[in-house]
Amino acid sequence: MIHAITFDAVGTLIVPHPGVGEVYAEVAAAYGVDCPVAVVARRFPAAFAAARAAWRTPYGADEDDARRFWARVVKDTFPVPLPARAVDAIYLAFAQPGRWRVLPGVRAALAVVVARDLPCAVVSNFDCRLEPLLAGLGLGPFTTVITSAEVGRAKPDPELLFTAARHLCVQPRQILHVGDSPAEDGVMAAAAGAHFQLVPSGEGIEAAKLFHLLCEARP
């Protein structure tokens, strides 16, 4: 039976607004670097993938390493050098609630979890920006927010879900993890022995489906 639920963050609960390319280009322009949004958006996936491949712990093994990770992504996204202040400003921009959008159905899904009186957590490949960000977006309440930078490992490593289970005072097999990435969320849940519910990336959560799933899983 399911006694607790955990959610991925980016792509499941929230997405950058209006988009990574737009935010990067806007902030860079404030520091005198003008680069078309289309160019930034096109270069970002490769820069992100290269940083993930180069890092021993993708997204950063701690808070300082996370900042270095994202600095590498930002620098490699632009075809021209960026001032250090611009790199820092782009990193800090994504700590601001206004740079994110809550996906459809998320607030209703969280209300379902509260109504079922289930302890709830967020488990994300993120860093110290996440918990205040979620609070600023009015999402929660969460029993805990577990990030890869805090744990020192990144999904699909199951240690993130094991850490969440300890905070939630349940066994991993009693957790339903909801996420948009089979490779990160799905593999992590399987490795931890938890249940997994895949949601379409960036499309939100069907609260009614989640409600029925929880009703079937727990009296």
N, C-alpha and C. Protein backbone atom coordinates (compact mmCIF):
# COMPACT_ATOMS: atom_id res chain seq x y z
N MET A 1 0.83 -1.19 0.00
CA MET A 1 0.00 0.00 0.00
C MET A 1 0.88 1.25 0.00
N ILE A 2 0.32 2.32 -0.52
CA ILE A 2 1.04 3.59 -0.58
C ILE A 2 0.78 4.39 0.69
N HIS A 3 1.84 4.77 1.37
CA HIS A 3 1.74 5.54 2.60
C HIS A 3 2.35 6.93 2.48
N ALA A 4 3.00 7.21 1.34
CA ALA A 4 3.59 8.53 1.12
C ALA A 4 3.77 8.74 -0.38
N ILE A 5 3.90 9.99 -0.76
CA ILE A 5 4.06 10.30 -2.18
C ILE A 5 5.18 11.32 -2.34
N THR A 6 5.98 11.12 -3.38
CA THR A 6 7.04 12.08 -3.69
C THR A 6 6.87 12.54 -5.13
N PHE A 7 7.27 13.78 -5.37
CA PHE A 7 7.17 14.37 -6.70
C PHE A 7 8.54 14.84 -7.18
N ASP A 8 8.81 14.63 -8.45
CA ASP A 8 9.89 15.33 -9.12
C ASP A 8 9.47 16.80 -9.21
N ALA A 9 10.42 17.69 -9.48
CA ALA A 9 10.09 19.11 -9.56
C ALA A 9 9.98 19.59 -11.01
N VAL A 10 11.12 19.78 -11.68
CA VAL A 10 11.12 20.38 -13.02
C VAL A 10 10.56 19.40 -14.05
N GLY A 11 9.57 19.84 -14.78
CA GLY A 11 8.92 19.00 -15.78
C GLY A 11 7.72 18.27 -15.23
N THR A 12 7.61 18.19 -13.90
CA THR A 12 6.50 17.51 -13.25
C THR A 12 5.59 18.50 -12.53
N LEU A 13 6.20 19.34 -11.69
CA LEU A 13 5.43 20.37 -10.98
C LEU A 13 5.55 21.73 -11.64
N ILE A 14 6.75 22.05 -12.12
CA ILE A 14 7.03 23.39 -12.65
C ILE A 14 7.90 23.31 -13.89
N VAL A 15 7.86 24.37 -14.69
CA VAL A 15 8.75 24.51 -15.85
C VAL A 15 9.23 25.96 -15.91
N PRO A 16 10.42 26.20 -16.51
CA PRO A 16 10.88 27.59 -16.66
C PRO A 16 9.89 28.42 -17.47
N HIS A 17 9.77 29.68 -17.11
CA HIS A 17 8.82 30.57 -17.78
C HIS A 17 9.51 31.88 -18.17
N PRO A 18 9.38 32.31 -19.45
CA PRO A 18 8.63 31.64 -20.51
C PRO A 18 9.39 30.47 -21.13
N GLY A 19 10.68 30.35 -20.84
CA GLY A 19 11.49 29.24 -21.32
C GLY A 19 12.94 29.51 -20.99
N VAL A 20 13.77 28.47 -21.03
CA VAL A 20 15.18 28.64 -20.70
C VAL A 20 15.85 29.64 -21.64
N GLY A 21 15.60 29.51 -22.93
CA GLY A 21 16.22 30.41 -23.91
C GLY A 21 15.87 31.85 -23.66
N GLU A 22 14.60 32.10 -23.38
CA GLU A 22 14.14 33.47 -23.15
C GLU A 22 14.78 34.07 -21.90
N VAL A 23 14.83 33.28 -20.82
CA VAL A 23 15.41 33.80 -19.58
C VAL A 23 16.91 34.05 -19.74
N TYR A 24 17.62 33.09 -20.31
CA TYR A 24 19.06 33.26 -20.52
C TYR A 24 19.32 34.51 -21.35
N ALA A 25 18.63 34.66 -22.47
CA ALA A 25 18.87 35.78 -23.38
C ALA A 25 18.52 37.11 -22.73
N GLU A 26 17.42 37.15 -21.98
CA GLU A 26 17.01 38.39 -21.33
C GLU A 26 18.03 38.85 -20.30
N VAL A 27 18.46 37.93 -19.44
CA VAL A 27 19.41 38.30 -18.39
C VAL A 27 20.75 38.68 -19.00
N ALA A 28 21.21 37.94 -20.00
CA ALA A 28 22.49 38.25 -20.64
C ALA A 28 22.44 39.64 -21.28
N ALA A 29 21.32 39.99 -21.87
CA ALA A 29 21.19 41.30 -22.52
C ALA A 29 21.35 42.43 -21.52
N ALA A 30 20.93 42.21 -20.28
CA ALA A 30 21.08 43.23 -19.24
C ALA A 30 22.54 43.49 -18.91
N TYR A 31 23.41 42.56 -19.31
CA TYR A 31 24.85 42.72 -19.06
C TYR A 31 25.61 42.96 -20.37
N GLY A 32 24.88 43.41 -21.39
CA GLY A 32 25.50 43.82 -22.63
C GLY A 32 25.77 42.72 -23.63
N VAL A 33 25.25 41.53 -23.41
CA VAL A 33 25.44 40.42 -24.35
C VAL A 33 24.12 40.14 -25.05
N ASP A 34 24.04 40.53 -26.31
CA ASP A 34 22.82 40.33 -27.09
C ASP A 34 22.96 39.08 -27.94
N CYS A 35 22.10 38.11 -27.68
CA CYS A 35 22.12 36.86 -28.43
C CYS A 35 20.68 36.45 -28.68
N PRO A 36 20.32 36.13 -29.93
CA PRO A 36 18.94 35.77 -30.22
C PRO A 36 18.45 34.60 -29.37
N VAL A 37 17.20 34.69 -28.95
CA VAL A 37 16.60 33.62 -28.14
C VAL A 37 16.71 32.28 -28.85
N ALA A 38 16.46 32.28 -30.16
CA ALA A 38 16.49 31.02 -30.91
C ALA A 38 17.86 30.36 -30.84
N VAL A 39 18.91 31.16 -30.87
CA VAL A 39 20.27 30.62 -30.80
C VAL A 39 20.53 30.02 -29.41
N VAL A 40 20.13 30.76 -28.38
CA VAL A 40 20.33 30.28 -27.01
C VAL A 40 19.55 28.99 -26.78
N ALA A 41 18.28 28.98 -27.20
CA ALA A 41 17.44 27.80 -27.00
C ALA A 41 17.99 26.60 -27.75
N ARG A 42 18.56 26.82 -28.93
CA ARG A 42 19.10 25.72 -29.72
C ARG A 42 20.37 25.16 -29.09
N ARG A 43 21.19 26.02 -28.49
CA ARG A 43 22.47 25.58 -27.94
C ARG A 43 22.36 24.97 -26.54
N PHE A 44 21.29 25.32 -25.81
CA PHE A 44 21.18 24.87 -24.43
C PHE A 44 21.20 23.35 -24.27
N PRO A 45 20.41 22.56 -25.03
CA PRO A 45 20.40 21.11 -24.79
C PRO A 45 21.79 20.47 -24.89
N ALA A 46 22.58 20.89 -25.87
CA ALA A 46 23.92 20.31 -26.02
C ALA A 46 24.83 20.73 -24.87
N ALA A 47 24.71 21.99 -24.44
CA ALA A 47 25.53 22.47 -23.32
C ALA A 47 25.18 21.72 -22.05
N PHE A 48 23.90 21.51 -21.84
CA PHE A 48 23.44 20.79 -20.65
C PHE A 48 23.91 19.34 -20.68
N ALA A 49 23.77 18.69 -21.82
CA ALA A 49 24.19 17.28 -21.95
C ALA A 49 25.70 17.14 -21.75
N ALA A 50 26.47 18.08 -22.27
CA ALA A 50 27.93 18.01 -22.13
C ALA A 50 28.34 18.17 -20.67
N ALA A 51 27.68 19.07 -19.96
CA ALA A 51 28.00 19.25 -18.54
C ALA A 51 27.64 18.01 -17.74
N ARG A 52 26.50 17.43 -18.01
CA ARG A 52 26.09 16.21 -17.30
C ARG A 52 27.10 15.10 -17.53
N ALA A 53 27.56 14.97 -18.76
CA ALA A 53 28.52 13.91 -19.08
C ALA A 53 29.87 14.15 -18.42
N ALA A 54 30.23 15.42 -18.23
CA ALA A 54 31.55 15.75 -17.69
C ALA A 54 31.59 15.70 -16.17
N TRP A 55 30.43 15.84 -15.52
CA TRP A 55 30.40 15.93 -14.06
C TRP A 55 30.34 14.55 -13.41
N ARG A 56 31.15 14.35 -12.39
CA ARG A 56 31.10 13.08 -11.67
C ARG A 56 29.72 12.88 -11.03
N THR A 57 29.18 13.94 -10.43
CA THR A 57 27.81 13.94 -9.93
C THR A 57 27.03 14.99 -10.69
N PRO A 58 26.27 14.59 -11.69
CA PRO A 58 25.51 15.58 -12.46
C PRO A 58 24.67 16.47 -11.55
N TYR A 59 24.57 17.72 -11.94
CA TYR A 59 23.84 18.77 -11.20
C TYR A 59 24.61 19.26 -9.98
N GLY A 60 25.73 18.63 -9.65
CA GLY A 60 26.56 19.08 -8.55
C GLY A 60 26.48 18.20 -7.32
N ALA A 61 27.65 17.89 -6.74
CA ALA A 61 27.71 17.01 -5.57
C ALA A 61 27.42 17.75 -4.28
N ASP A 62 27.49 19.08 -4.32
CA ASP A 62 27.11 19.92 -3.18
C ASP A 62 26.72 21.28 -3.74
N GLU A 63 26.43 22.23 -2.86
CA GLU A 63 25.92 23.51 -3.35
C GLU A 63 26.95 24.26 -4.20
N ASP A 64 28.21 24.27 -3.77
CA ASP A 64 29.24 24.95 -4.56
C ASP A 64 29.43 24.28 -5.92
N ASP A 65 29.42 22.95 -5.90
CA ASP A 65 29.59 22.21 -7.14
C ASP A 65 28.39 22.41 -8.05
N ALA A 66 27.20 22.52 -7.48
CA ALA A 66 26.01 22.78 -8.29
C ALA A 66 26.12 24.12 -9.00
N ARG A 67 26.64 25.10 -8.30
CA ARG A 67 26.81 26.42 -8.92
C ARG A 67 27.83 26.35 -10.06
N ARG A 68 28.91 25.59 -9.84
CA ARG A 68 29.90 25.41 -10.92
C ARG A 68 29.29 24.67 -12.10
N PHE A 69 28.48 23.66 -11.81
CA PHE A 69 27.82 22.90 -12.88
C PHE A 69 26.99 23.83 -13.76
N TRP A 70 26.15 24.64 -13.13
CA TRP A 70 25.26 25.50 -13.92
C TRP A 70 26.04 26.63 -14.59
N ALA A 71 27.14 27.07 -13.98
CA ALA A 71 27.97 28.07 -14.65
C ALA A 71 28.54 27.52 -15.95
N ARG A 72 28.95 26.25 -15.91
CA ARG A 72 29.46 25.60 -17.12
C ARG A 72 28.36 25.53 -18.18
N VAL A 73 27.15 25.15 -17.78
CA VAL A 73 26.03 25.07 -18.74
C VAL A 73 25.77 26.43 -19.36
N VAL A 74 25.70 27.46 -18.52
CA VAL A 74 25.40 28.82 -19.01
C VAL A 74 26.47 29.28 -19.98
N LYS A 75 27.73 29.14 -19.61
CA LYS A 75 28.82 29.61 -20.48
C LYS A 75 28.81 28.90 -21.83
N ASP A 76 28.58 27.60 -21.81
CA ASP A 76 28.61 26.82 -23.05
C ASP A 76 27.37 27.04 -23.90
N THR A 77 26.32 27.57 -23.31
CA THR A 77 25.10 27.84 -24.07
C THR A 77 25.28 29.03 -25.01
N PHE A 78 26.11 29.98 -24.62
CA PHE A 78 26.29 31.19 -25.44
C PHE A 78 27.48 31.04 -26.37
N PRO A 79 27.35 31.55 -27.59
CA PRO A 79 28.46 31.45 -28.56
C PRO A 79 29.55 32.49 -28.32
N VAL A 80 29.34 33.40 -27.37
CA VAL A 80 30.32 34.44 -27.04
C VAL A 80 30.57 34.41 -25.53
N PRO A 81 31.71 34.91 -25.07
CA PRO A 81 31.99 34.92 -23.62
C PRO A 81 30.99 35.79 -22.86
N LEU A 82 30.67 35.36 -21.64
CA LEU A 82 29.77 36.11 -20.78
C LEU A 82 30.55 36.68 -19.60
N PRO A 83 30.22 37.89 -19.16
CA PRO A 83 30.81 38.39 -17.91
C PRO A 83 30.41 37.48 -16.76
N ALA A 84 31.29 37.35 -15.77
CA ALA A 84 31.00 36.50 -14.62
C ALA A 84 29.72 36.93 -13.92
N ARG A 85 29.47 38.23 -13.88
CA ARG A 85 28.25 38.72 -13.24
C ARG A 85 27.00 38.24 -13.97
N ALA A 86 27.09 38.14 -15.29
CA ALA A 86 25.95 37.66 -16.07
C ALA A 86 25.68 36.18 -15.79
N VAL A 87 26.77 35.41 -15.68
CA VAL A 87 26.62 33.98 -15.37
C VAL A 87 25.93 33.82 -14.01
N ASP A 88 26.38 34.57 -13.02
CA ASP A 88 25.77 34.50 -11.69
C ASP A 88 24.31 34.94 -11.73
N ALA A 89 24.03 35.98 -12.49
CA ALA A 89 22.66 36.50 -12.56
C ALA A 89 21.71 35.49 -13.19
N ILE A 90 22.19 34.75 -14.19
CA ILE A 90 21.34 33.73 -14.81
C ILE A 90 21.06 32.61 -13.83
N TYR A 91 22.08 32.21 -13.08
CA TYR A 91 21.88 31.18 -12.05
C TYR A 91 20.84 31.64 -11.03
N LEU A 92 20.97 32.87 -10.56
CA LEU A 92 20.06 33.39 -9.54
C LEU A 92 18.67 33.67 -10.09
N ALA A 93 18.56 33.90 -11.38
CA ALA A 93 17.24 34.15 -11.97
C ALA A 93 16.30 32.98 -11.74
N PHE A 94 16.86 31.77 -11.77
CA PHE A 94 16.00 30.59 -11.62
C PHE A 94 15.69 30.27 -10.15
N ALA A 95 16.09 31.15 -9.26
CA ALA A 95 15.63 31.07 -7.87
C ALA A 95 14.38 31.93 -7.67
N GLN A 96 13.98 32.66 -8.72
CA GLN A 96 12.86 33.58 -8.61
C GLN A 96 11.56 32.93 -9.08
N PRO A 97 10.50 32.99 -8.28
CA PRO A 97 9.22 32.37 -8.69
C PRO A 97 8.71 32.87 -10.04
N GLY A 98 8.97 34.14 -10.36
CA GLY A 98 8.48 34.68 -11.62
C GLY A 98 9.10 34.05 -12.85
N ARG A 99 10.19 33.32 -12.68
CA ARG A 99 10.84 32.65 -13.81
C ARG A 99 10.33 31.23 -14.01
N TRP A 100 9.29 30.86 -13.26
CA TRP A 100 8.74 29.51 -13.36
C TRP A 100 7.23 29.55 -13.50
N ARG A 101 6.69 28.48 -14.07
CA ARG A 101 5.23 28.33 -14.21
C ARG A 101 4.81 27.01 -13.59
N VAL A 102 3.78 27.06 -12.75
CA VAL A 102 3.22 25.83 -12.17
C VAL A 102 2.39 25.15 -13.25
N LEU A 103 2.60 23.86 -13.44
CA LEU A 103 1.93 23.13 -14.52
C LEU A 103 0.47 22.84 -14.19
N PRO A 104 -0.34 22.63 -15.23
CA PRO A 104 -1.77 22.36 -15.02
C PRO A 104 -1.99 21.13 -14.15
N GLY A 105 -2.96 21.23 -13.27
CA GLY A 105 -3.35 20.10 -12.44
C GLY A 105 -2.52 19.90 -11.20
N VAL A 106 -1.39 20.61 -11.09
CA VAL A 106 -0.48 20.38 -9.96
C VAL A 106 -1.13 20.77 -8.63
N ARG A 107 -1.74 21.93 -8.57
CA ARG A 107 -2.34 22.36 -7.31
C ARG A 107 -3.49 21.43 -6.91
N ALA A 108 -4.25 20.99 -7.89
CA ALA A 108 -5.34 20.06 -7.60
C ALA A 108 -4.79 18.72 -7.13
N ALA A 109 -3.69 18.27 -7.73
CA ALA A 109 -3.08 17.00 -7.33
C ALA A 109 -2.55 17.09 -5.90
N LEU A 110 -1.93 18.20 -5.55
CA LEU A 110 -1.44 18.37 -4.19
C LEU A 110 -2.59 18.42 -3.19
N ALA A 111 -3.71 18.98 -3.61
CA ALA A 111 -4.90 19.00 -2.75
C ALA A 111 -5.41 17.59 -2.51
N VAL A 112 -5.32 16.73 -3.52
CA VAL A 112 -5.71 15.33 -3.38
C VAL A 112 -4.84 14.65 -2.33
N VAL A 113 -3.55 14.91 -2.39
CA VAL A 113 -2.61 14.30 -1.44
C VAL A 113 -2.93 14.76 -0.02
N VAL A 114 -3.20 16.05 0.14
CA VAL A 114 -3.55 16.57 1.46
C VAL A 114 -4.85 15.94 1.96
N ALA A 115 -5.84 15.82 1.06
CA ALA A 115 -7.12 15.23 1.45
C ALA A 115 -6.97 13.78 1.87
N ARG A 116 -6.01 13.08 1.29
CA ARG A 116 -5.77 11.68 1.64
C ARG A 116 -4.87 11.55 2.88
N ASP A 117 -4.43 12.70 3.40
CA ASP A 117 -3.60 12.73 4.61
C ASP A 117 -2.31 11.94 4.42
N LEU A 118 -1.70 12.10 3.25
CA LEU A 118 -0.46 11.41 2.94
C LEU A 118 0.73 12.35 3.13
N PRO A 119 1.78 11.90 3.81
CA PRO A 119 3.00 12.71 3.83
C PRO A 119 3.55 12.84 2.42
N CYS A 120 4.11 14.00 2.12
CA CYS A 120 4.47 14.32 0.74
C CYS A 120 5.83 15.01 0.71
N ALA A 121 6.62 14.67 -0.31
CA ALA A 121 7.95 15.27 -0.45
C ALA A 121 8.24 15.56 -1.91
N VAL A 122 9.22 16.40 -2.13
CA VAL A 122 9.76 16.62 -3.47
C VAL A 122 11.16 16.02 -3.50
N VAL A 123 11.45 15.28 -4.57
CA VAL A 123 12.76 14.65 -4.76
C VAL A 123 13.26 15.08 -6.13
N SER A 124 14.32 15.89 -6.15
CA SER A 124 14.69 16.55 -7.40
C SER A 124 16.19 16.67 -7.56
N ASN A 125 16.64 16.61 -8.81
CA ASN A 125 18.02 16.95 -9.16
C ASN A 125 18.12 18.47 -9.21
N PHE A 126 18.32 19.08 -8.07
CA PHE A 126 18.30 20.54 -7.93
C PHE A 126 19.22 20.89 -6.78
N ASP A 127 19.07 22.09 -6.24
CA ASP A 127 19.96 22.58 -5.18
C ASP A 127 19.18 23.45 -4.22
N CYS A 128 19.90 24.27 -3.43
CA CYS A 128 19.26 25.03 -2.36
C CYS A 128 18.25 26.05 -2.84
N ARG A 129 18.22 26.34 -4.13
CA ARG A 129 17.22 27.28 -4.65
C ARG A 129 15.81 26.70 -4.63
N LEU A 130 15.69 25.36 -4.58
CA LEU A 130 14.40 24.75 -4.83
C LEU A 130 13.38 24.97 -3.72
N GLU A 131 13.74 24.73 -2.47
CA GLU A 131 12.74 24.81 -1.41
C GLU A 131 12.11 26.20 -1.29
N PRO A 132 12.91 27.29 -1.24
CA PRO A 132 12.27 28.60 -1.21
C PRO A 132 11.52 28.93 -2.49
N LEU A 133 11.97 28.38 -3.61
CA LEU A 133 11.26 28.58 -4.87
C LEU A 133 9.86 27.99 -4.81
N LEU A 134 9.75 26.75 -4.35
CA LEU A 134 8.45 26.10 -4.25
C LEU A 134 7.54 26.86 -3.30
N ALA A 135 8.10 27.34 -2.19
CA ALA A 135 7.32 28.12 -1.24
C ALA A 135 6.84 29.42 -1.89
N GLY A 136 7.71 30.04 -2.66
CA GLY A 136 7.34 31.27 -3.33
C GLY A 136 6.26 31.09 -4.37
N LEU A 137 6.17 29.89 -4.93
CA LEU A 137 5.13 29.56 -5.90
C LEU A 137 3.85 29.09 -5.23
N GLY A 138 3.87 29.00 -3.91
CA GLY A 138 2.69 28.57 -3.17
C GLY A 138 2.41 27.09 -3.28
N LEU A 139 3.44 26.29 -3.51
CA LEU A 139 3.26 24.84 -3.63
C LEU A 139 3.60 24.17 -2.30
N GLY A 140 2.82 23.17 -1.96
CA GLY A 140 3.02 22.45 -0.71
C GLY A 140 1.70 22.29 0.01
N PRO A 141 1.72 21.94 1.29
CA PRO A 141 2.93 21.78 2.12
C PRO A 141 3.64 20.46 1.84
N PHE A 142 4.95 20.49 1.93
CA PHE A 142 5.77 19.29 1.78
C PHE A 142 6.43 18.96 3.11
N THR A 143 6.45 17.68 3.43
CA THR A 143 7.15 17.25 4.63
C THR A 143 8.63 17.56 4.53
N THR A 144 9.19 17.38 3.33
CA THR A 144 10.59 17.67 3.09
C THR A 144 10.82 17.89 1.61
N VAL A 145 11.90 18.56 1.29
CA VAL A 145 12.35 18.74 -0.10
C VAL A 145 13.78 18.20 -0.16
N ILE A 146 13.96 17.14 -0.95
CA ILE A 146 15.26 16.48 -1.07
C ILE A 146 15.88 16.84 -2.41
N THR A 147 17.10 17.37 -2.39
CA THR A 147 17.77 17.73 -3.63
C THR A 147 19.06 16.93 -3.79
N SER A 148 19.49 16.81 -5.04
CA SER A 148 20.72 16.07 -5.33
C SER A 148 21.93 16.75 -4.70
N ALA A 149 21.94 18.08 -4.67
CA ALA A 149 23.08 18.78 -4.08
C ALA A 149 23.16 18.52 -2.58
N GLU A 150 22.02 18.33 -1.94
CA GLU A 150 22.00 18.03 -0.50
C GLU A 150 22.51 16.62 -0.22
N VAL A 151 22.07 15.67 -1.05
CA VAL A 151 22.42 14.26 -0.83
C VAL A 151 23.82 13.94 -1.35
N GLY A 152 24.24 14.67 -2.38
CA GLY A 152 25.54 14.40 -2.98
C GLY A 152 25.49 13.36 -4.07
N ARG A 153 24.28 13.02 -4.49
CA ARG A 153 24.07 12.07 -5.59
C ARG A 153 22.88 12.55 -6.39
N ALA A 154 22.83 12.15 -7.65
CA ALA A 154 21.75 12.60 -8.53
C ALA A 154 20.91 11.42 -9.00
N LYS A 155 19.62 11.66 -9.21
CA LYS A 155 18.79 10.63 -9.82
C LYS A 155 19.42 10.21 -11.14
N PRO A 156 19.42 8.93 -11.44
CA PRO A 156 18.58 7.85 -10.89
C PRO A 156 19.13 7.13 -9.66
N ASP A 157 20.14 7.67 -9.01
CA ASP A 157 20.65 7.03 -7.79
C ASP A 157 19.51 6.95 -6.76
N PRO A 158 19.22 5.77 -6.22
CA PRO A 158 18.09 5.63 -5.31
C PRO A 158 18.30 6.27 -3.94
N GLU A 159 19.53 6.73 -3.66
CA GLU A 159 19.79 7.32 -2.35
C GLU A 159 18.90 8.53 -2.09
N LEU A 160 18.50 9.24 -3.13
CA LEU A 160 17.60 10.38 -2.94
C LEU A 160 16.25 9.91 -2.39
N LEU A 161 15.75 8.80 -2.92
CA LEU A 161 14.46 8.29 -2.46
C LEU A 161 14.60 7.63 -1.09
N PHE A 162 15.73 6.99 -0.83
CA PHE A 162 15.97 6.45 0.51
C PHE A 162 15.99 7.58 1.55
N THR A 163 16.63 8.70 1.19
CA THR A 163 16.66 9.85 2.10
C THR A 163 15.26 10.38 2.34
N ALA A 164 14.47 10.47 1.28
CA ALA A 164 13.09 10.93 1.42
C ALA A 164 12.29 10.00 2.32
N ALA A 165 12.49 8.70 2.16
CA ALA A 165 11.76 7.72 2.97
C ALA A 165 12.06 7.90 4.45
N ARG A 166 13.32 8.18 4.77
CA ARG A 166 13.66 8.41 6.18
C ARG A 166 12.97 9.65 6.73
N HIS A 167 12.91 10.69 5.94
CA HIS A 167 12.23 11.91 6.38
C HIS A 167 10.72 11.70 6.50
N LEU A 168 10.17 10.86 5.65
CA LEU A 168 8.73 10.60 5.64
C LEU A 168 8.32 9.52 6.62
N CYS A 169 9.33 8.84 7.22
CA CYS A 169 9.08 7.77 8.19
C CYS A 169 8.29 6.62 7.58
N VAL A 170 8.65 6.25 6.35
CA VAL A 170 8.03 5.11 5.67
C VAL A 170 9.13 4.28 5.03
N GLN A 171 8.77 3.09 4.55
CA GLN A 171 9.68 2.27 3.77
C GLN A 171 9.61 2.71 2.30
N PRO A 172 10.70 2.59 1.55
CA PRO A 172 10.65 2.98 0.13
C PRO A 172 9.55 2.28 -0.65
N ARG A 173 9.25 1.02 -0.31
CA ARG A 173 8.21 0.29 -1.03
C ARG A 173 6.82 0.88 -0.78
N GLN A 174 6.69 1.75 0.20
CA GLN A 174 5.41 2.38 0.52
C GLN A 174 5.25 3.74 -0.14
N ILE A 175 6.22 4.12 -0.97
CA ILE A 175 6.21 5.44 -1.62
C ILE A 175 5.73 5.31 -3.06
N LEU A 176 4.91 6.25 -3.48
CA LEU A 176 4.60 6.45 -4.90
C LEU A 176 5.37 7.68 -5.35
N HIS A 177 6.27 7.50 -6.31
CA HIS A 177 7.02 8.63 -6.85
C HIS A 177 6.41 9.03 -8.19
N VAL A 178 6.15 10.31 -8.35
CA VAL A 178 5.55 10.85 -9.57
C VAL A 178 6.59 11.70 -10.28
N GLY A 179 6.87 11.37 -11.54
CA GLY A 179 7.88 12.12 -12.27
C GLY A 179 7.71 12.00 -13.77
N ASP A 180 8.44 12.84 -14.49
CA ASP A 180 8.28 12.90 -15.95
C ASP A 180 9.41 12.20 -16.71
N SER A 181 10.41 11.67 -15.99
CA SER A 181 11.56 11.07 -16.67
C SER A 181 11.69 9.59 -16.34
N PRO A 182 11.43 8.71 -17.31
CA PRO A 182 11.65 7.28 -17.06
C PRO A 182 13.10 6.98 -16.70
N ALA A 183 14.05 7.70 -17.33
CA ALA A 183 15.47 7.42 -17.11
C ALA A 183 15.95 7.86 -15.74
N GLU A 184 15.39 8.94 -15.21
CA GLU A 184 15.81 9.42 -13.90
C GLU A 184 14.82 8.99 -12.81
N ASP A 185 13.56 9.39 -12.95
CA ASP A 185 12.57 9.08 -11.92
C ASP A 185 12.21 7.60 -11.89
N GLY A 186 11.96 7.05 -13.07
CA GLY A 186 11.55 5.65 -13.14
C GLY A 186 12.61 4.70 -12.66
N VAL A 187 13.85 4.90 -13.11
CA VAL A 187 14.94 4.01 -12.71
C VAL A 187 15.22 4.17 -11.21
N MET A 188 15.16 5.40 -10.70
CA MET A 188 15.37 5.60 -9.26
C MET A 188 14.32 4.85 -8.45
N ALA A 189 13.04 4.99 -8.84
CA ALA A 189 11.97 4.33 -8.10
C ALA A 189 12.14 2.82 -8.13
N ALA A 190 12.47 2.27 -9.29
CA ALA A 190 12.65 0.83 -9.41
C ALA A 190 13.81 0.35 -8.54
N ALA A 191 14.90 1.11 -8.54
CA ALA A 191 16.07 0.71 -7.75
C ALA A 191 15.79 0.77 -6.25
N ALA A 192 14.89 1.68 -5.85
CA ALA A 192 14.55 1.81 -4.43
C ALA A 192 13.42 0.87 -4.02
N GLY A 193 12.79 0.24 -4.99
CA GLY A 193 11.65 -0.63 -4.68
C GLY A 193 10.36 0.12 -4.46
N ALA A 194 10.29 1.35 -4.97
CA ALA A 194 9.10 2.19 -4.80
C ALA A 194 8.17 2.04 -6.01
N HIS A 195 6.95 2.53 -5.84
CA HIS A 195 6.00 2.62 -6.95
C HIS A 195 6.36 3.84 -7.79
N PHE A 196 5.95 3.83 -9.06
CA PHE A 196 6.27 4.95 -9.95
C PHE A 196 5.09 5.26 -10.84
N GLN A 197 4.79 6.55 -10.96
CA GLN A 197 3.75 7.02 -11.88
C GLN A 197 4.39 8.03 -12.83
N LEU A 198 4.42 7.68 -14.11
CA LEU A 198 4.97 8.57 -15.13
C LEU A 198 3.93 9.60 -15.55
N VAL A 199 4.35 10.86 -15.66
CA VAL A 199 3.47 11.91 -16.18
C VAL A 199 4.14 12.52 -17.41
N PRO A 200 3.36 13.03 -18.37
CA PRO A 200 3.97 13.64 -19.56
C PRO A 200 4.81 14.86 -19.18
N SER A 201 6.02 14.93 -19.69
CA SER A 201 6.91 16.02 -19.33
C SER A 201 6.34 17.37 -19.74
N GLY A 202 6.24 18.26 -18.78
CA GLY A 202 5.79 19.61 -19.05
C GLY A 202 4.31 19.78 -19.29
N GLU A 203 3.53 18.73 -19.09
CA GLU A 203 2.09 18.81 -19.37
C GLU A 203 1.25 18.85 -18.11
N GLY A 204 1.84 18.57 -16.96
CA GLY A 204 1.08 18.63 -15.72
C GLY A 204 0.60 17.27 -15.26
N ILE A 205 -0.19 17.28 -14.20
CA ILE A 205 -0.65 16.05 -13.54
C ILE A 205 -2.16 16.00 -13.59
N GLU A 206 -2.70 14.84 -13.93
CA GLU A 206 -4.15 14.64 -13.90
C GLU A 206 -4.55 14.29 -12.46
N ALA A 207 -5.13 15.26 -11.77
CA ALA A 207 -5.47 15.07 -10.36
C ALA A 207 -6.45 13.91 -10.18
N ALA A 208 -7.41 13.79 -11.09
CA ALA A 208 -8.41 12.72 -10.97
C ALA A 208 -7.76 11.35 -11.08
N LYS A 209 -6.80 11.22 -12.00
CA LYS A 209 -6.09 9.95 -12.16
C LYS A 209 -5.29 9.61 -10.91
N LEU A 210 -4.64 10.63 -10.35
CA LEU A 210 -3.87 10.42 -9.13
C LEU A 210 -4.79 10.01 -7.98
N PHE A 211 -5.94 10.64 -7.90
CA PHE A 211 -6.90 10.33 -6.84
C PHE A 211 -7.34 8.87 -6.93
N HIS A 212 -7.69 8.42 -8.12
CA HIS A 212 -8.13 7.03 -8.29
C HIS A 212 -7.00 6.04 -7.99
N LEU A 213 -5.80 6.41 -8.37
CA LEU A 213 -4.65 5.54 -8.12
C LEU A 213 -4.44 5.40 -6.61
N LEU A 214 -4.54 6.50 -5.89
CA LEU A 214 -4.35 6.46 -4.44
C LEU A 214 -5.50 5.73 -3.75
N CYS A 215 -6.70 5.88 -4.26
CA CYS A 215 -7.85 5.17 -3.67
C CYS A 215 -7.71 3.67 -3.83
N GLU A 216 -7.18 3.24 -4.98
CA GLU A 216 -6.99 1.82 -5.21
C GLU A 216 -5.85 1.25 -4.36
N ALA A 217 -4.87 2.10 -4.07
CA ALA A 217 -3.67 1.61 -3.39
C ALA A 217 -3.77 1.66 -1.88
N ARG A 218 -4.70 2.47 -1.36
CA ARG A 218 -4.75 2.63 0.09
C ARG A 218 -6.21 2.74 0.53
N PRO A 219 -6.65 1.94 1.53
CA PRO A 219 -8.03 1.99 1.96
C PRO A 219 -8.40 3.38 2.49
